[in-house]
Each structure stands twice: as C-alpha cells, then as structure tokens.
C-alpha cells in the first residue's frame, strides 16, 4: 500500500514475501494477486496488471 502508482515486478513481490528462504513461482504470485484483487477492490483499491512490467496498485475515485 506504500507504493501506490508504482509498477512492481513479480520478482520484487517474491523477494518481499518469501525472501531467500522459500521459492515461489511467478504463477503462484498470479494466483495470490487474483485473490487479493477480490478482497481490496471493495475498499477502493485496484491492482492493475501492466503488460510487460507486472503489477501496479491504484486508488479508485
């Protein structure tokens, strides 16, 4: 939530969530993002997929 309007790659998300201890696949991140979208959209937050760059968090008006 601290990086609104900033594109974040799957690699950055994996590093932040799992660190060096665990391995997460990019497909797992896609599943988690899908689940997270359904939870945060009612609160006025949108997770947008930026083709070729990965994800960006946006506040909806």
N, C-alpha and C. Protein backbone atom coordinates (compact mmCIF):
# COMPACT_ATOMS: atom_id res chain seq x y z
N UNK A 1 0.82 -1.19 0.00
CA UNK A 1 0.00 0.00 0.00
C UNK A 1 0.87 1.26 0.00
N UNK A 2 2.13 1.12 0.35
CA UNK A 2 3.01 2.28 0.39
C UNK A 2 3.52 2.65 -1.00
N UNK A 3 3.26 1.82 -2.01
CA UNK A 3 3.79 2.07 -3.35
C UNK A 3 2.67 2.26 -4.37
N UNK A 4 1.71 3.09 -4.06
CA UNK A 4 0.61 3.38 -4.97
C UNK A 4 1.15 4.05 -6.23
N UNK A 5 0.64 3.63 -7.38
CA UNK A 5 1.04 4.16 -8.69
C UNK A 5 2.48 3.86 -9.07
N UNK A 6 3.05 2.82 -8.49
CA UNK A 6 4.40 2.38 -8.83
C UNK A 6 4.31 0.95 -9.34
N UNK A 7 4.91 0.66 -10.47
CA UNK A 7 4.91 -0.69 -11.03
C UNK A 7 5.87 -1.57 -10.22
N UNK A 8 5.36 -2.74 -9.83
CA UNK A 8 6.15 -3.68 -9.03
C UNK A 8 6.22 -5.01 -9.80
N UNK A 9 7.41 -5.55 -9.94
CA UNK A 9 7.57 -6.80 -10.68
C UNK A 9 7.27 -8.00 -9.80
N UNK A 10 7.01 -9.12 -10.44
CA UNK A 10 6.77 -10.36 -9.70
C UNK A 10 8.00 -10.73 -8.88
N UNK A 11 9.17 -10.48 -9.44
CA UNK A 11 10.42 -10.80 -8.72
C UNK A 11 10.51 -10.00 -7.42
N UNK A 12 10.12 -8.72 -7.46
CA UNK A 12 10.13 -7.90 -6.25
C UNK A 12 9.12 -8.41 -5.23
N UNK A 13 7.96 -8.83 -5.71
CA UNK A 13 6.94 -9.36 -4.81
C UNK A 13 7.42 -10.66 -4.17
N UNK A 14 8.00 -11.54 -4.97
CA UNK A 14 8.53 -12.80 -4.44
C UNK A 14 9.59 -12.53 -3.39
N UNK A 15 10.49 -11.61 -3.67
CA UNK A 15 11.55 -11.28 -2.71
C UNK A 15 10.97 -10.73 -1.41
N UNK A 16 9.95 -9.88 -1.51
CA UNK A 16 9.35 -9.28 -0.32
C UNK A 16 8.56 -10.29 0.50
N UNK A 17 7.90 -11.22 -0.18
CA UNK A 17 7.05 -12.18 0.52
C UNK A 17 7.84 -13.38 1.03
N UNK A 18 8.68 -13.94 0.17
CA UNK A 18 9.36 -15.19 0.52
C UNK A 18 10.81 -14.99 0.93
N UNK A 19 11.44 -13.95 0.46
CA UNK A 19 12.85 -13.75 0.75
C UNK A 19 13.68 -14.84 0.11
N UNK A 20 14.77 -15.18 0.75
CA UNK A 20 15.66 -16.21 0.23
C UNK A 20 15.34 -17.59 0.79
N UNK A 21 14.45 -17.66 1.76
CA UNK A 21 14.15 -18.92 2.44
C UNK A 21 13.24 -19.85 1.64
N UNK A 22 12.35 -19.27 0.87
CA UNK A 22 11.32 -20.03 0.18
C UNK A 22 11.35 -19.71 -1.30
N UNK A 23 10.88 -20.65 -2.10
CA UNK A 23 10.76 -20.38 -3.53
C UNK A 23 9.29 -20.31 -3.89
N UNK A 24 8.90 -19.23 -4.50
CA UNK A 24 7.55 -19.06 -5.03
C UNK A 24 7.67 -18.90 -6.53
N UNK A 25 6.77 -19.52 -7.24
CA UNK A 25 6.80 -19.38 -8.70
C UNK A 25 6.01 -18.14 -9.10
N UNK A 26 6.31 -17.60 -10.26
CA UNK A 26 5.52 -16.47 -10.77
C UNK A 26 4.03 -16.82 -10.89
N UNK A 27 3.72 -18.08 -11.18
CA UNK A 27 2.32 -18.49 -11.27
C UNK A 27 1.63 -18.39 -9.92
N UNK A 28 2.34 -18.68 -8.85
CA UNK A 28 1.77 -18.55 -7.51
C UNK A 28 1.44 -17.10 -7.21
N UNK A 29 2.29 -16.19 -7.65
CA UNK A 29 2.04 -14.76 -7.46
C UNK A 29 0.77 -14.35 -8.21
N UNK A 30 0.57 -14.87 -9.41
CA UNK A 30 -0.64 -14.56 -10.17
C UNK A 30 -1.89 -15.02 -9.43
N UNK A 31 -1.84 -16.19 -8.82
CA UNK A 31 -2.98 -16.71 -8.05
C UNK A 31 -3.24 -15.82 -6.84
N UNK A 32 -2.18 -15.46 -6.12
CA UNK A 32 -2.34 -14.60 -4.94
C UNK A 32 -2.87 -13.22 -5.33
N UNK A 33 -2.42 -12.68 -6.44
CA UNK A 33 -2.89 -11.37 -6.90
C UNK A 33 -4.37 -11.43 -7.23
N UNK A 34 -4.79 -12.50 -7.87
CA UNK A 34 -6.20 -12.66 -8.20
C UNK A 34 -7.06 -12.67 -6.93
N UNK A 35 -6.62 -13.41 -5.94
CA UNK A 35 -7.35 -13.47 -4.66
C UNK A 35 -7.33 -12.12 -3.95
N UNK A 36 -6.19 -11.46 -3.99
CA UNK A 36 -6.05 -10.17 -3.33
C UNK A 36 -6.93 -9.11 -3.98
N UNK A 37 -7.04 -9.16 -5.31
CA UNK A 37 -7.89 -8.21 -6.03
C UNK A 37 -9.33 -8.24 -5.52
N UNK A 38 -9.86 -9.44 -5.33
CA UNK A 38 -11.26 -9.55 -4.88
C UNK A 38 -11.45 -9.01 -3.47
N UNK A 39 -10.40 -9.00 -2.70
CA UNK A 39 -10.50 -8.51 -1.32
C UNK A 39 -10.33 -6.99 -1.21
N UNK A 40 -9.48 -6.40 -2.05
CA UNK A 40 -9.19 -4.97 -1.90
C UNK A 40 -10.04 -4.06 -2.78
N UNK A 41 -10.62 -4.58 -3.85
CA UNK A 41 -11.42 -3.74 -4.73
C UNK A 41 -12.62 -3.10 -4.05
N UNK A 42 -13.34 -3.78 -3.15
CA UNK A 42 -14.45 -3.11 -2.46
C UNK A 42 -14.00 -1.93 -1.60
N UNK A 43 -12.72 -1.89 -1.24
CA UNK A 43 -12.19 -0.80 -0.41
C UNK A 43 -11.68 0.36 -1.26
N UNK A 44 -11.88 0.29 -2.57
CA UNK A 44 -11.45 1.39 -3.43
C UNK A 44 -10.02 1.31 -3.89
N UNK A 45 -9.46 0.11 -3.88
CA UNK A 45 -8.08 -0.09 -4.32
C UNK A 45 -8.10 -1.08 -5.48
N UNK A 46 -7.34 -0.79 -6.51
CA UNK A 46 -7.30 -1.66 -7.69
C UNK A 46 -5.88 -2.11 -7.95
N UNK A 47 -5.71 -3.39 -8.22
CA UNK A 47 -4.41 -3.92 -8.63
C UNK A 47 -4.48 -4.12 -10.13
N UNK A 48 -3.70 -3.34 -10.85
CA UNK A 48 -3.74 -3.37 -12.31
C UNK A 48 -2.54 -4.13 -12.83
N UNK A 49 -2.77 -4.99 -13.82
CA UNK A 49 -1.68 -5.68 -14.48
C UNK A 49 -1.15 -4.77 -15.58
N UNK A 50 0.13 -4.48 -15.52
CA UNK A 50 0.79 -3.66 -16.53
C UNK A 50 1.57 -4.62 -17.42
N UNK A 51 1.08 -4.80 -18.61
CA UNK A 51 1.66 -5.79 -19.51
C UNK A 51 3.15 -5.53 -19.74
N UNK A 52 3.95 -6.55 -19.50
CA UNK A 52 5.38 -6.45 -19.69
C UNK A 52 6.12 -5.94 -18.46
N UNK A 53 5.39 -5.42 -17.46
CA UNK A 53 6.05 -4.89 -16.26
C UNK A 53 5.54 -5.53 -14.97
N UNK A 54 4.35 -6.05 -14.95
CA UNK A 54 3.72 -6.76 -13.85
C UNK A 54 2.60 -5.98 -13.18
N UNK A 55 2.71 -5.52 -11.95
CA UNK A 55 1.54 -5.02 -11.24
C UNK A 55 1.70 -3.60 -10.73
N UNK A 56 0.56 -2.89 -10.66
CA UNK A 56 0.55 -1.54 -10.11
C UNK A 56 -0.71 -1.38 -9.26
N UNK A 57 -0.55 -0.81 -8.11
CA UNK A 57 -1.64 -0.54 -7.18
C UNK A 57 -2.18 0.85 -7.45
N UNK A 58 -3.51 0.96 -7.59
CA UNK A 58 -4.13 2.25 -7.88
C UNK A 58 -5.31 2.47 -6.92
N UNK A 59 -5.50 3.71 -6.55
CA UNK A 59 -6.70 4.07 -5.78
C UNK A 59 -7.77 4.43 -6.77
N UNK A 60 -8.98 3.90 -6.57
CA UNK A 60 -10.08 4.25 -7.47
C UNK A 60 -10.84 5.43 -6.90
N UNK A 61 -11.31 6.30 -7.79
CA UNK A 61 -12.01 7.51 -7.31
C UNK A 61 -13.36 7.18 -6.69
